[in-house]
Amino acid sequence: MTNPQYLTVPELASRLRMSPGTLANWRHKGEGPGFLKIGKKILYPIAEVQAYEEQALRRSVVGSDQ
């Protein structure tokens, strides 16, 4: 099995354990991982998803919004 370069909205929602609607809200607000919009299709480059996950990684809740 090859490693995909992009995730679809349902694939990313499953990976992050959230609803596709939350991802839509993030896109509207300019939050979350970067994405491509090709026609009506939304794709998330794996590199953007991984960078977002690394940025979101926390070791403590002290000094964060939890």
C-alpha atoms as a PDB file:
ATOM      1  CA  MET A   1       0.000   0.000   0.000  1.00  0.00           C
ATOM      2  CA  THR A   2       1.358   3.411  -0.932  1.00  0.00           C
ATOM      3  CA  ASN A   3       1.379   6.415   1.358  1.00  0.00           C
ATOM      4  CA  PRO A   4      -1.038   9.014  -0.053  1.00  0.00           C
ATOM      5  CA  GLN A   5       0.169  12.569  -0.599  1.00  0.00           C
ATOM      6  CA  TYR A   6      -3.245  14.018   0.264  1.00  0.00           C
ATOM      7  CA  LEU A   7      -6.146  13.334   2.608  1.00  0.00           C
ATOM      8  CA  THR A   8      -9.779  14.008   1.795  1.00  0.00           C
ATOM      9  CA  VAL A   9     -12.066  15.762   4.273  1.00  0.00           C
ATOM     10  CA  PRO A  10     -13.551  12.466   5.565  1.00  0.00           C
ATOM     11  CA  GLU A  11     -10.065  10.919   5.899  1.00  0.00           C
ATOM     12  CA  LEU A  12      -8.717  13.879   7.884  1.00  0.00           C
ATOM     13  CA  ALA A  13     -11.851  14.073  10.026  1.00  0.00           C
ATOM     14  CA  SER A  14     -11.375  10.402  10.899  1.00  0.00           C
ATOM     15  CA  ARG A  15      -7.655  10.884  11.584  1.00  0.00           C
ATOM     16  CA  LEU A  16      -8.311  13.824  13.938  1.00  0.00           C
ATOM     17  CA  ARG A  17     -11.483  12.223  15.372  1.00  0.00           C
ATOM     18  CA  MET A  18     -13.689  15.189  14.572  1.00  0.00           C
ATOM     19  CA  SER A  19     -16.550  15.983  12.249  1.00  0.00           C
ATOM     20  CA  PRO A  20     -16.142  17.189   8.671  1.00  0.00           C
ATOM     21  CA  GLY A  21     -18.183  20.214   9.783  1.00  0.00           C
ATOM     22  CA  THR A  22     -15.452  21.218  12.224  1.00  0.00           C
ATOM     23  CA  LEU A  23     -12.923  21.103   9.381  1.00  0.00           C
ATOM     24  CA  ALA A  24     -15.252  23.283   7.289  1.00  0.00           C
ATOM     25  CA  ASN A  25     -15.438  25.799  10.152  1.00  0.00           C
ATOM     26  CA  TRP A  26     -11.646  25.804  10.438  1.00  0.00           C
ATOM     27  CA  ARG A  27     -11.266  26.453   6.706  1.00  0.00           C
ATOM     28  CA  HIS A  28     -13.729  29.335   6.942  1.00  0.00           C
ATOM     29  CA  LYS A  29     -11.806  30.858   9.888  1.00  0.00           C
ATOM     30  CA  GLY A  30      -8.349  30.201   8.387  1.00  0.00           C
ATOM     31  CA  GLU A  31      -7.497  27.677  11.122  1.00  0.00           C
ATOM     32  CA  GLY A  32      -6.218  24.108  10.995  1.00  0.00           C
ATOM     33  CA  PRO A  33      -3.898  22.564   8.429  1.00  0.00           C
ATOM     34  CA  GLY A  34      -3.423  24.131   5.007  1.00  0.00           C
ATOM     35  CA  PHE A  35      -5.515  22.692   2.190  1.00  0.00           C
ATOM     36  CA  LEU A  36      -5.957  22.731  -1.562  1.00  0.00           C
ATOM     37  CA  LYS A  37      -9.236  23.496  -3.273  1.00  0.00           C
ATOM     38  CA  ILE A  38      -9.375  22.103  -6.782  1.00  0.00           C
ATOM     39  CA  GLY A  39     -12.789  22.751  -8.244  1.00  0.00           C
ATOM     40  CA  LYS A  40     -15.130  21.659  -5.481  1.00  0.00           C
ATOM     41  CA  LYS A  41     -12.668  19.108  -4.068  1.00  0.00           C
ATOM     42  CA  ILE A  42     -10.843  19.866  -0.790  1.00  0.00           C
ATOM     43  CA  LEU A  43      -7.532  18.053  -0.254  1.00  0.00           C
ATOM     44  CA  TYR A  44      -5.141  18.262   2.669  1.00  0.00           C
ATOM     45  CA  PRO A  45      -1.458  17.668   1.827  1.00  0.00           C
ATOM     46  CA  ILE A  46       0.012  15.127   4.265  1.00  0.00           C
ATOM     47  CA  ALA A  47       2.945  17.470   4.947  1.00  0.00           C
ATOM     48  CA  GLU A  48       0.500  20.213   6.074  1.00  0.00           C
ATOM     49  CA  VAL A  49      -1.386  17.771   8.307  1.00  0.00           C
ATOM     50  CA  GLN A  50       1.830  16.520   9.909  1.00  0.00           C
ATOM     51  CA  ALA A  51       3.101  20.082  10.464  1.00  0.00           C
ATOM     52  CA  TYR A  52      -0.218  21.035  12.062  1.00  0.00           C
ATOM     53  CA  GLU A  53      -0.113  17.979  14.331  1.00  0.00           C
ATOM     54  CA  GLU A  54       3.470  18.737  15.400  1.00  0.00           C
ATOM     55  CA  GLN A  55       2.558  22.366  16.143  1.00  0.00           C
ATOM     56  CA  ALA A  56      -0.434  21.206  18.201  1.00  0.00           C
ATOM     57  CA  LEU A  57       1.585  18.685  20.230  1.00  0.00           C
ATOM     58  CA  ARG A  58       1.762  19.664  23.913  1.00  0.00           C
ATOM     59  CA  ARG A  59       3.688  18.318  26.871  1.00  0.00           C
ATOM     60  CA  SER A  60       1.723  20.235  29.506  1.00  0.00           C
ATOM     61  CA  VAL A  61      -1.504  22.192  29.816  1.00  0.00           C
ATOM     62  CA  VAL A  62       0.195  24.839  31.975  1.00  0.00           C
ATOM     63  CA  GLY A  63       0.078  28.181  30.169  1.00  0.00           C
ATOM     64  CA  SER A  64      -2.201  26.885  27.388  1.00  0.00           C
ATOM     65  CA  ASP A  65      -5.911  27.071  26.800  1.00  0.00           C
ATOM     66  CA  GLN A  66      -6.127  23.301  27.523  1.00  0.00           C
END
